[in-house]
Amino acid sequence: MVKKPSLLVALVPIVVLVVLLSSNVLLFEDVLNGPNQISLLLAASAGIIVAHKLGLTWDAIYHRISKTIDSAMPSMLILLLIGSLAGTWLISGVVPCMVFYGLDIINPKIFLVTAVIVSSIISLVTGSSWSTIATIGVALLGIGRALGFNEALVAGAIISGAYFGDKMSPLSDTTNLAPAMQWPVPICSHT
């Protein structure tokens, strides 16, 4: 019989994850090259142990893990494709080209508004705020710097536009992932 977890028991994997990630930041210089992935695996293992102690069989746990990964796969593929787009734009010289032509085209009087609108449109079309910031955002920051604007204001305009466009985009990985993760059945059912 599957038992319903108490709040304290349900928080165990999250607490394990927070403690391990905090330890990584304190102990390791380069936390992006491995220690965080180990922490995620250990926290997932803690979650599996908790689920097993609550009465779920390995088959039920495996089925739910597979179902969750299956639900998240479209968002992961979108993220992979958007990462390829950002890399392609940077390597092919699109970003420096945007800076060059942007200095001629953009009116300095409306630059910050233009930065918000352009970031919103690019993010809406690509579905990724991070890729927008990493590509067109870099170009707009260079243009803003050349025009004499405060970098913090320019960055705020870029980030605001990019996140707005990302949330409105039907291609957004996070916008698609959030509803995909909503389970139609209670978590403690036997399916």
N, C-alpha and C. Protein backbone atom coordinates (compact mmCIF):
# COMPACT_ATOMS: atom_id res chain seq x y z
N MET A 1 0.83 -1.18 0.00
CA MET A 1 0.00 0.00 0.00
C MET A 1 0.88 1.25 0.00
N VAL A 2 0.53 2.21 -0.85
CA VAL A 2 1.29 3.45 -0.96
C VAL A 2 0.80 4.43 0.09
N LYS A 3 1.75 4.92 0.92
CA LYS A 3 1.42 5.90 1.94
C LYS A 3 1.60 7.31 1.39
N LYS A 4 0.80 8.23 1.88
CA LYS A 4 0.94 9.63 1.50
C LYS A 4 2.06 10.24 2.35
N PRO A 5 3.01 10.94 1.71
CA PRO A 5 4.13 11.49 2.49
C PRO A 5 3.71 12.71 3.30
N SER A 6 4.34 12.85 4.46
CA SER A 6 4.15 14.08 5.23
C SER A 6 4.97 15.18 4.56
N LEU A 7 4.72 16.41 4.97
CA LEU A 7 5.47 17.53 4.40
C LEU A 7 6.96 17.37 4.64
N LEU A 8 7.33 16.94 5.83
CA LEU A 8 8.75 16.76 6.16
C LEU A 8 9.40 15.71 5.27
N VAL A 9 8.71 14.60 5.06
CA VAL A 9 9.25 13.52 4.22
C VAL A 9 9.34 13.99 2.76
N ALA A 10 8.33 14.73 2.30
CA ALA A 10 8.32 15.21 0.92
C ALA A 10 9.45 16.21 0.66
N LEU A 11 9.89 16.91 1.70
CA LEU A 11 10.95 17.90 1.55
C LEU A 11 12.36 17.30 1.60
N VAL A 12 12.48 16.04 1.96
CA VAL A 12 13.81 15.42 2.10
C VAL A 12 14.64 15.54 0.82
N PRO A 13 14.15 15.16 -0.37
CA PRO A 13 14.99 15.29 -1.58
C PRO A 13 15.38 16.74 -1.88
N ILE A 14 14.47 17.67 -1.60
CA ILE A 14 14.77 19.09 -1.85
C ILE A 14 15.85 19.58 -0.90
N VAL A 15 15.75 19.20 0.36
CA VAL A 15 16.77 19.59 1.34
C VAL A 15 18.12 18.99 0.98
N VAL A 16 18.11 17.72 0.55
CA VAL A 16 19.36 17.08 0.12
C VAL A 16 19.97 17.85 -1.05
N LEU A 17 19.15 18.23 -2.01
CA LEU A 17 19.63 18.98 -3.18
C LEU A 17 20.20 20.33 -2.76
N VAL A 18 19.50 21.06 -1.92
CA VAL A 18 19.98 22.39 -1.48
C VAL A 18 21.30 22.27 -0.72
N VAL A 19 21.40 21.29 0.17
CA VAL A 19 22.64 21.11 0.94
C VAL A 19 23.80 20.75 0.01
N LEU A 20 23.58 19.83 -0.93
CA LEU A 20 24.65 19.43 -1.84
C LEU A 20 25.07 20.56 -2.78
N LEU A 21 24.11 21.31 -3.32
CA LEU A 21 24.46 22.42 -4.20
C LEU A 21 25.18 23.53 -3.44
N SER A 22 24.75 23.79 -2.22
CA SER A 22 25.45 24.79 -1.39
C SER A 22 26.87 24.34 -1.09
N SER A 23 27.04 23.07 -0.82
CA SER A 23 28.39 22.53 -0.56
C SER A 23 29.27 22.66 -1.80
N ASN A 24 28.70 22.42 -2.96
CA ASN A 24 29.47 22.56 -4.21
C ASN A 24 30.00 23.97 -4.38
N VAL A 25 29.15 24.95 -4.11
CA VAL A 25 29.56 26.34 -4.27
C VAL A 25 30.69 26.67 -3.30
N LEU A 26 30.61 26.14 -2.09
CA LEU A 26 31.63 26.43 -1.08
C LEU A 26 32.93 25.66 -1.30
N LEU A 27 32.84 24.43 -1.82
CA LEU A 27 34.01 23.56 -1.89
C LEU A 27 34.74 23.57 -3.23
N PHE A 28 34.04 23.78 -4.33
CA PHE A 28 34.65 23.65 -5.64
C PHE A 28 34.75 24.99 -6.34
N GLU A 29 35.85 25.17 -7.06
CA GLU A 29 36.04 26.40 -7.82
C GLU A 29 35.17 26.43 -9.07
N ASP A 30 35.11 25.33 -9.80
CA ASP A 30 34.37 25.27 -11.05
C ASP A 30 33.16 24.36 -10.88
N VAL A 31 32.05 24.92 -10.42
CA VAL A 31 30.87 24.10 -10.11
C VAL A 31 30.08 23.68 -11.34
N LEU A 32 30.40 24.24 -12.51
CA LEU A 32 29.62 23.91 -13.70
C LEU A 32 30.13 22.67 -14.44
N ASN A 33 31.27 22.14 -14.06
CA ASN A 33 31.84 21.02 -14.80
C ASN A 33 31.68 19.67 -14.14
N GLY A 34 30.73 19.47 -13.26
CA GLY A 34 30.55 18.14 -12.74
C GLY A 34 29.90 18.02 -11.39
N PRO A 35 30.32 18.80 -10.39
CA PRO A 35 29.75 18.56 -9.06
C PRO A 35 28.24 18.75 -8.99
N ASN A 36 27.69 19.69 -9.75
CA ASN A 36 26.24 19.91 -9.70
C ASN A 36 25.47 18.73 -10.26
N GLN A 37 26.01 18.10 -11.29
CA GLN A 37 25.32 16.95 -11.87
C GLN A 37 25.29 15.79 -10.87
N ILE A 38 26.38 15.61 -10.15
CA ILE A 38 26.42 14.57 -9.11
C ILE A 38 25.39 14.88 -8.03
N SER A 39 25.28 16.15 -7.65
CA SER A 39 24.30 16.55 -6.64
C SER A 39 22.88 16.26 -7.11
N LEU A 40 22.59 16.54 -8.38
CA LEU A 40 21.26 16.26 -8.92
C LEU A 40 20.96 14.77 -8.89
N LEU A 41 21.95 13.95 -9.25
CA LEU A 41 21.75 12.49 -9.23
C LEU A 41 21.55 11.98 -7.81
N LEU A 42 22.31 12.52 -6.86
CA LEU A 42 22.16 12.09 -5.47
C LEU A 42 20.81 12.52 -4.90
N ALA A 43 20.34 13.72 -5.25
CA ALA A 43 19.03 14.17 -4.79
C ALA A 43 17.92 13.32 -5.43
N ALA A 44 18.08 12.95 -6.69
CA ALA A 44 17.11 12.07 -7.35
C ALA A 44 17.10 10.71 -6.66
N SER A 45 18.28 10.24 -6.28
CA SER A 45 18.37 8.97 -5.55
C SER A 45 17.65 9.05 -4.21
N ALA A 46 17.79 10.19 -3.53
CA ALA A 46 17.08 10.39 -2.27
C ALA A 46 15.57 10.36 -2.51
N GLY A 47 15.12 10.96 -3.60
CA GLY A 47 13.71 10.93 -3.93
C GLY A 47 13.21 9.51 -4.21
N ILE A 48 14.03 8.73 -4.89
CA ILE A 48 13.67 7.34 -5.17
C ILE A 48 13.60 6.52 -3.88
N ILE A 49 14.53 6.76 -2.98
CA ILE A 49 14.51 6.06 -1.68
C ILE A 49 13.26 6.42 -0.89
N VAL A 50 12.91 7.70 -0.87
CA VAL A 50 11.71 8.14 -0.17
C VAL A 50 10.47 7.49 -0.79
N ALA A 51 10.40 7.48 -2.11
CA ALA A 51 9.25 6.87 -2.79
C ALA A 51 9.16 5.38 -2.47
N HIS A 52 10.30 4.71 -2.45
CA HIS A 52 10.31 3.28 -2.13
C HIS A 52 9.87 3.04 -0.69
N LYS A 53 10.32 3.88 0.23
CA LYS A 53 9.92 3.75 1.65
C LYS A 53 8.42 4.01 1.84
N LEU A 54 7.83 4.80 0.93
CA LEU A 54 6.39 5.08 1.01
C LEU A 54 5.55 3.97 0.39
N GLY A 55 6.21 2.96 -0.18
CA GLY A 55 5.48 1.80 -0.70
C GLY A 55 5.40 1.69 -2.21
N LEU A 56 6.01 2.61 -2.94
CA LEU A 56 6.00 2.49 -4.40
C LEU A 56 6.99 1.41 -4.84
N THR A 57 6.60 0.63 -5.81
CA THR A 57 7.51 -0.39 -6.34
C THR A 57 8.47 0.26 -7.34
N TRP A 58 9.54 -0.46 -7.64
CA TRP A 58 10.50 0.07 -8.61
C TRP A 58 9.84 0.29 -9.97
N ASP A 59 8.94 -0.62 -10.36
CA ASP A 59 8.24 -0.46 -11.64
C ASP A 59 7.42 0.83 -11.67
N ALA A 60 6.74 1.14 -10.59
CA ALA A 60 5.93 2.36 -10.53
C ALA A 60 6.83 3.61 -10.56
N ILE A 61 7.93 3.56 -9.84
CA ILE A 61 8.88 4.68 -9.84
C ILE A 61 9.46 4.87 -11.23
N TYR A 62 9.88 3.77 -11.85
CA TYR A 62 10.46 3.82 -13.19
C TYR A 62 9.45 4.37 -14.21
N HIS A 63 8.19 3.94 -14.09
CA HIS A 63 7.14 4.41 -15.00
C HIS A 63 6.96 5.93 -14.87
N ARG A 64 6.97 6.43 -13.65
CA ARG A 64 6.79 7.87 -13.44
C ARG A 64 8.00 8.67 -13.93
N ILE A 65 9.19 8.15 -13.72
CA ILE A 65 10.39 8.81 -14.23
C ILE A 65 10.32 8.89 -15.76
N SER A 66 9.96 7.77 -16.39
CA SER A 66 9.84 7.74 -17.86
C SER A 66 8.77 8.69 -18.36
N LYS A 67 7.65 8.75 -17.66
CA LYS A 67 6.55 9.63 -18.06
C LYS A 67 6.97 11.09 -17.94
N THR A 68 7.68 11.43 -16.89
CA THR A 68 8.14 12.81 -16.71
C THR A 68 9.15 13.20 -17.78
N ILE A 69 10.10 12.33 -18.06
CA ILE A 69 11.08 12.61 -19.12
C ILE A 69 10.39 12.74 -20.46
N ASP A 70 9.41 11.87 -20.71
CA ASP A 70 8.66 11.94 -21.97
C ASP A 70 7.91 13.27 -22.10
N SER A 71 7.34 13.75 -21.00
CA SER A 71 6.63 15.02 -21.02
C SER A 71 7.57 16.20 -21.25
N ALA A 72 8.79 16.10 -20.74
CA ALA A 72 9.75 17.20 -20.85
C ALA A 72 10.53 17.19 -22.16
N MET A 73 10.48 16.10 -22.91
CA MET A 73 11.31 15.96 -24.10
C MET A 73 11.09 17.07 -25.14
N PRO A 74 9.85 17.47 -25.47
CA PRO A 74 9.71 18.57 -26.44
C PRO A 74 10.41 19.85 -26.00
N SER A 75 10.32 20.17 -24.72
CA SER A 75 10.99 21.37 -24.21
C SER A 75 12.51 21.23 -24.30
N MET A 76 13.02 20.04 -24.02
CA MET A 76 14.47 19.83 -24.12
C MET A 76 14.95 19.96 -25.56
N LEU A 77 14.17 19.46 -26.50
CA LEU A 77 14.54 19.59 -27.91
C LEU A 77 14.50 21.05 -28.37
N ILE A 78 13.50 21.80 -27.92
CA ILE A 78 13.43 23.22 -28.24
C ILE A 78 14.67 23.92 -27.70
N LEU A 79 15.05 23.63 -26.45
CA LEU A 79 16.23 24.24 -25.84
C LEU A 79 17.50 23.89 -26.63
N LEU A 80 17.61 22.65 -27.08
CA LEU A 80 18.76 22.22 -27.87
C LEU A 80 18.84 22.99 -29.19
N LEU A 81 17.72 23.13 -29.87
CA LEU A 81 17.69 23.85 -31.15
C LEU A 81 17.99 25.34 -30.96
N ILE A 82 17.47 25.94 -29.91
CA ILE A 82 17.73 27.36 -29.66
C ILE A 82 19.20 27.58 -29.32
N GLY A 83 19.80 26.66 -28.60
CA GLY A 83 21.24 26.75 -28.32
C GLY A 83 22.06 26.68 -29.60
N SER A 84 21.62 25.85 -30.52
CA SER A 84 22.31 25.77 -31.82
C SER A 84 22.18 27.09 -32.58
N LEU A 85 21.02 27.70 -32.50
CA LEU A 85 20.80 28.99 -33.18
C LEU A 85 21.73 30.05 -32.61
N ALA A 86 21.83 30.13 -31.30
CA ALA A 86 22.69 31.14 -30.68
C ALA A 86 24.15 30.93 -31.08
N GLY A 87 24.62 29.69 -31.03
CA GLY A 87 25.99 29.40 -31.43
C GLY A 87 26.25 29.72 -32.89
N THR A 88 25.30 29.40 -33.74
CA THR A 88 25.44 29.68 -35.17
C THR A 88 25.53 31.18 -35.42
N TRP A 89 24.69 31.96 -34.76
CA TRP A 89 24.71 33.42 -34.94
C TRP A 89 26.03 34.01 -34.48
N LEU A 90 26.56 33.50 -33.37
CA LEU A 90 27.82 34.04 -32.86
C LEU A 90 29.00 33.68 -33.76
N ILE A 91 29.06 32.44 -34.21
CA ILE A 91 30.18 31.98 -35.04
C ILE A 91 30.15 32.59 -36.44
N SER A 92 28.94 32.75 -36.99
CA SER A 92 28.83 33.22 -38.37
C SER A 92 29.00 34.73 -38.53
N GLY A 93 29.08 35.46 -37.45
CA GLY A 93 29.29 36.90 -37.55
C GLY A 93 28.02 37.71 -37.61
N VAL A 94 26.88 37.10 -37.32
CA VAL A 94 25.61 37.83 -37.33
C VAL A 94 25.61 38.92 -36.26
N VAL A 95 26.13 38.61 -35.09
CA VAL A 95 26.11 39.59 -33.99
C VAL A 95 26.96 40.83 -34.33
N PRO A 96 28.22 40.68 -34.77
CA PRO A 96 28.97 41.89 -35.15
C PRO A 96 28.31 42.66 -36.29
N CYS A 97 27.69 41.96 -37.20
CA CYS A 97 26.98 42.61 -38.30
C CYS A 97 25.81 43.44 -37.76
N MET A 98 25.10 42.90 -36.76
CA MET A 98 24.00 43.64 -36.15
C MET A 98 24.50 44.92 -35.47
N VAL A 99 25.65 44.85 -34.81
CA VAL A 99 26.22 46.05 -34.18
C VAL A 99 26.55 47.08 -35.25
N PHE A 100 27.20 46.65 -36.31
CA PHE A 100 27.61 47.57 -37.38
C PHE A 100 26.41 48.29 -37.98
N TYR A 101 25.39 47.54 -38.38
CA TYR A 101 24.22 48.15 -39.00
C TYR A 101 23.30 48.83 -37.99
N GLY A 102 23.29 48.32 -36.77
CA GLY A 102 22.45 48.92 -35.74
C GLY A 102 22.87 50.34 -35.40
N LEU A 103 24.16 50.62 -35.45
CA LEU A 103 24.64 51.97 -35.18
C LEU A 103 24.14 52.95 -36.23
N ASP A 104 23.95 52.49 -37.46
CA ASP A 104 23.43 53.35 -38.52
C ASP A 104 21.91 53.48 -38.49
N ILE A 105 21.22 52.42 -38.11
CA ILE A 105 19.77 52.38 -38.23
C ILE A 105 19.04 52.93 -36.99
N ILE A 106 19.49 52.57 -35.81
CA ILE A 106 18.76 52.90 -34.58
C ILE A 106 18.96 54.35 -34.19
N ASN A 107 17.86 55.03 -33.94
CA ASN A 107 17.89 56.42 -33.49
C ASN A 107 18.26 56.43 -32.01
N PRO A 108 19.32 57.16 -31.61
CA PRO A 108 19.74 57.19 -30.21
C PRO A 108 18.66 57.69 -29.25
N LYS A 109 17.74 58.52 -29.73
CA LYS A 109 16.70 59.07 -28.85
C LYS A 109 15.72 57.99 -28.38
N ILE A 110 15.52 56.97 -29.17
CA ILE A 110 14.58 55.90 -28.80
C ILE A 110 15.29 54.55 -28.67
N PHE A 111 16.57 54.59 -28.36
CA PHE A 111 17.35 53.35 -28.32
C PHE A 111 16.84 52.36 -27.29
N LEU A 112 16.56 52.82 -26.06
CA LEU A 112 16.14 51.88 -25.01
C LEU A 112 14.79 51.23 -25.34
N VAL A 113 13.87 52.01 -25.89
CA VAL A 113 12.58 51.44 -26.30
C VAL A 113 12.80 50.45 -27.44
N THR A 114 13.68 50.81 -28.36
CA THR A 114 13.99 49.91 -29.47
C THR A 114 14.60 48.61 -28.96
N ALA A 115 15.47 48.70 -27.95
CA ALA A 115 16.10 47.51 -27.38
C ALA A 115 15.05 46.57 -26.78
N VAL A 116 14.07 47.13 -26.08
CA VAL A 116 13.01 46.31 -25.50
C VAL A 116 12.19 45.64 -26.61
N ILE A 117 11.81 46.42 -27.61
CA ILE A 117 10.96 45.88 -28.69
C ILE A 117 11.69 44.82 -29.51
N VAL A 118 12.94 45.10 -29.88
CA VAL A 118 13.71 44.14 -30.68
C VAL A 118 13.94 42.85 -29.88
N SER A 119 14.30 42.99 -28.61
CA SER A 119 14.51 41.80 -27.77
C SER A 119 13.22 41.00 -27.64
N SER A 120 12.10 41.69 -27.48
CA SER A 120 10.81 41.00 -27.36
C SER A 120 10.48 40.22 -28.63
N ILE A 121 10.69 40.86 -29.77
CA ILE A 121 10.35 40.21 -31.05
C ILE A 121 11.24 39.00 -31.30
N ILE A 122 12.55 39.16 -31.08
CA ILE A 122 13.47 38.03 -31.31
C ILE A 122 13.15 36.89 -30.35
N SER A 123 12.89 37.22 -29.10
CA SER A 123 12.56 36.18 -28.12
C SER A 123 11.23 35.51 -28.43
N LEU A 124 10.28 36.28 -28.92
CA LEU A 124 8.98 35.71 -29.30
C LEU A 124 9.14 34.74 -30.47
N VAL A 125 9.97 35.10 -31.43
CA VAL A 125 10.17 34.26 -32.63
C VAL A 125 10.99 33.01 -32.30
N THR A 126 12.04 33.17 -31.49
CA THR A 126 12.91 32.02 -31.19
C THR A 126 12.41 31.20 -30.02
N GLY A 127 11.66 31.80 -29.11
CA GLY A 127 11.16 31.08 -27.95
C GLY A 127 12.18 30.95 -26.83
N SER A 128 13.21 31.78 -26.85
CA SER A 128 14.25 31.65 -25.83
C SER A 128 14.77 33.02 -25.40
N SER A 129 14.61 33.32 -24.13
CA SER A 129 15.13 34.59 -23.61
C SER A 129 16.66 34.53 -23.52
N TRP A 130 17.20 33.42 -23.09
CA TRP A 130 18.65 33.32 -22.92
C TRP A 130 19.38 33.44 -24.25
N SER A 131 18.86 32.78 -25.28
CA SER A 131 19.50 32.88 -26.60
C SER A 131 19.38 34.29 -27.15
N THR A 132 18.26 34.94 -26.89
CA THR A 132 18.10 36.32 -27.33
C THR A 132 19.12 37.21 -26.64
N ILE A 133 19.29 37.03 -25.35
CA ILE A 133 20.26 37.83 -24.60
C ILE A 133 21.68 37.53 -25.07
N ALA A 134 21.95 36.26 -25.38
CA ALA A 134 23.31 35.86 -25.80
C ALA A 134 23.64 36.28 -27.22
N THR A 135 22.65 36.60 -28.03
CA THR A 135 22.92 36.97 -29.42
C THR A 135 22.60 38.44 -29.66
N ILE A 136 21.34 38.76 -29.85
CA ILE A 136 20.95 40.14 -30.13
C ILE A 136 21.23 41.03 -28.94
N GLY A 137 21.16 40.46 -27.73
CA GLY A 137 21.45 41.24 -26.52
C GLY A 137 22.88 41.73 -26.50
N VAL A 138 23.81 40.88 -26.91
CA VAL A 138 25.22 41.28 -26.98
C VAL A 138 25.39 42.40 -28.00
N ALA A 139 24.71 42.27 -29.13
CA ALA A 139 24.78 43.30 -30.17
C ALA A 139 24.19 44.61 -29.66
N LEU A 140 23.02 44.54 -29.02
CA LEU A 140 22.40 45.76 -28.51
C LEU A 140 23.22 46.40 -27.40
N LEU A 141 23.86 45.60 -26.58
CA LEU A 141 24.73 46.15 -25.53
C LEU A 141 25.92 46.88 -26.16
N GLY A 142 26.48 46.31 -27.21
CA GLY A 142 27.58 46.97 -27.93
C GLY A 142 27.13 48.29 -28.56
N ILE A 143 25.93 48.29 -29.13
CA ILE A 143 25.39 49.52 -29.72
C ILE A 143 25.16 50.56 -28.63
N GLY A 144 24.56 50.13 -27.52
CA GLY A 144 24.31 51.05 -26.40
C GLY A 144 25.58 51.65 -25.84
N ARG A 145 26.60 50.81 -25.73
CA ARG A 145 27.90 51.30 -25.24
C ARG A 145 28.48 52.33 -26.21
N ALA A 146 28.38 52.04 -27.51
CA ALA A 146 28.91 52.96 -28.52
C ALA A 146 28.13 54.28 -28.53
N LEU A 147 26.85 54.22 -28.19
CA LEU A 147 26.03 55.43 -28.16
C LEU A 147 26.15 56.19 -26.83
N GLY A 148 26.85 55.62 -25.86
CA GLY A 148 27.10 56.29 -24.59
C GLY A 148 26.04 56.05 -23.52
N PHE A 149 25.24 55.01 -23.66
CA PHE A 149 24.22 54.70 -22.66
C PHE A 149 24.82 53.93 -21.49
N ASN A 150 24.20 54.07 -20.32
CA ASN A 150 24.58 53.31 -19.14
C ASN A 150 24.32 51.83 -19.42
N GLU A 151 25.33 50.99 -19.18
CA GLU A 151 25.21 49.56 -19.49
C GLU A 151 24.10 48.88 -18.69
N ALA A 152 23.87 49.33 -17.47
CA ALA A 152 22.81 48.73 -16.65
C ALA A 152 21.44 49.01 -17.26
N LEU A 153 21.22 50.21 -17.76
CA LEU A 153 19.94 50.53 -18.41
C LEU A 153 19.73 49.70 -19.67
N VAL A 154 20.78 49.58 -20.45
CA VAL A 154 20.68 48.80 -21.69
C VAL A 154 20.42 47.34 -21.36
N ALA A 155 21.14 46.80 -20.39
CA ALA A 155 20.94 45.39 -19.99
C ALA A 155 19.53 45.18 -19.48
N GLY A 156 19.01 46.12 -18.69
CA GLY A 156 17.64 46.01 -18.20
C GLY A 156 16.62 46.00 -19.32
N ALA A 157 16.83 46.85 -20.33
CA ALA A 157 15.92 46.89 -21.48
C ALA A 157 15.97 45.58 -22.25
N ILE A 158 17.17 45.06 -22.46
CA ILE A 158 17.34 43.81 -23.21
C ILE A 158 16.69 42.64 -22.47
N ILE A 159 17.00 42.52 -21.20
CA ILE A 159 16.49 41.39 -20.40
C ILE A 159 14.97 41.47 -20.26
N SER A 160 14.44 42.67 -20.04
CA SER A 160 12.98 42.83 -19.92
C SER A 160 12.28 42.40 -21.20
N GLY A 161 12.78 42.86 -22.33
CA GLY A 161 12.18 42.48 -23.60
C GLY A 161 12.31 41.00 -23.88
N ALA A 162 13.49 40.44 -23.57
CA ALA A 162 13.72 39.02 -23.84
C ALA A 162 12.80 38.13 -23.01
N TYR A 163 12.63 38.44 -21.73
CA TYR A 163 11.76 37.62 -20.89
C TYR A 163 10.29 37.79 -21.25
N PHE A 164 9.90 39.01 -21.63
CA PHE A 164 8.52 39.22 -22.06
C PHE A 164 8.23 38.38 -23.31
N GLY A 165 9.09 38.46 -24.31
CA GLY A 165 8.90 37.70 -25.53
C GLY A 165 8.91 36.20 -25.29
N ASP A 166 9.79 35.75 -24.39
CA ASP A 166 9.89 34.33 -24.07
C ASP A 166 8.58 33.81 -23.48
N LYS A 167 7.98 34.55 -22.58
CA LYS A 167 6.74 34.10 -21.95
C LYS A 167 5.55 34.14 -22.91
N MET A 168 5.61 34.97 -23.95
CA MET A 168 4.53 35.05 -24.92
C MET A 168 4.70 34.07 -26.08
N SER A 169 5.87 33.47 -26.21
CA SER A 169 6.17 32.62 -27.36
C SER A 169 5.59 31.22 -27.22
N PRO A 170 4.95 30.71 -28.27
CA PRO A 170 4.49 29.32 -28.24
C PRO A 170 5.65 28.33 -28.38
N LEU A 171 6.84 28.81 -28.73
CA LEU A 171 8.01 27.94 -28.86
C LEU A 171 8.84 27.85 -27.59
N SER A 172 8.51 28.63 -26.59
CA SER A 172 9.33 28.72 -25.38
C SER A 172 9.41 27.38 -24.65
N ASP A 173 10.63 26.99 -24.30
CA ASP A 173 10.82 25.73 -23.58
C ASP A 173 10.17 25.78 -22.20
N THR A 174 10.37 26.86 -21.45
CA THR A 174 9.80 26.94 -20.11
C THR A 174 8.29 27.11 -20.14
N THR A 175 7.79 27.86 -21.11
CA THR A 175 6.34 28.04 -21.22
C THR A 175 5.67 26.72 -21.58
N ASN A 176 6.32 25.88 -22.37
CA ASN A 176 5.77 24.57 -22.71
C ASN A 176 5.99 23.54 -21.61
N LEU A 177 7.09 23.68 -20.89
CA LEU A 177 7.41 22.70 -19.85
C LEU A 177 6.46 22.80 -18.66
N ALA A 178 6.10 24.02 -18.27
CA ALA A 178 5.24 24.20 -17.09
C ALA A 178 3.91 23.46 -17.21
N PRO A 179 3.15 23.64 -18.30
CA PRO A 179 1.89 22.88 -18.38
C PRO A 179 2.11 21.39 -18.64
N ALA A 180 3.21 21.03 -19.28
CA ALA A 180 3.47 19.61 -19.56
C ALA A 180 3.72 18.83 -18.28
N MET A 181 4.19 19.50 -17.23
CA MET A 181 4.51 18.83 -15.99
C MET A 181 3.32 18.69 -15.05
N GLN A 182 2.18 19.24 -15.42
CA GLN A 182 0.99 19.12 -14.59
C GLN A 182 0.40 17.73 -14.76
N TRP A 183 0.32 17.00 -13.69
CA TRP A 183 -0.17 15.63 -13.74
C TRP A 183 -1.68 15.62 -13.64
N PRO A 184 -2.35 14.87 -14.48
CA PRO A 184 -3.81 14.79 -14.38
C PRO A 184 -4.28 13.88 -13.26
N VAL A 185 -3.37 13.10 -12.65
CA VAL A 185 -3.74 12.19 -11.58
C VAL A 185 -2.96 12.55 -10.33
N PRO A 186 -3.44 12.20 -9.15
CA PRO A 186 -2.67 12.47 -7.92
C PRO A 186 -1.33 11.76 -7.96
N ILE A 187 -0.34 12.34 -7.33
CA ILE A 187 1.01 11.79 -7.35
C ILE A 187 1.08 10.43 -6.66
N CYS A 188 0.26 10.16 -5.70
CA CYS A 188 0.37 8.92 -4.94
C CYS A 188 -0.52 7.79 -5.50
N SER A 189 -1.00 7.90 -6.72
CA SER A 189 -1.80 6.82 -7.29
C SER A 189 -0.90 5.66 -7.70
N HIS A 190 -1.47 4.54 -8.06
CA HIS A 190 -0.70 3.33 -8.38
C HIS A 190 -0.32 3.21 -9.85
N THR A 191 -0.58 4.21 -10.71
CA THR A 191 -0.29 4.06 -12.13
C THR A 191 1.16 4.17 -12.44
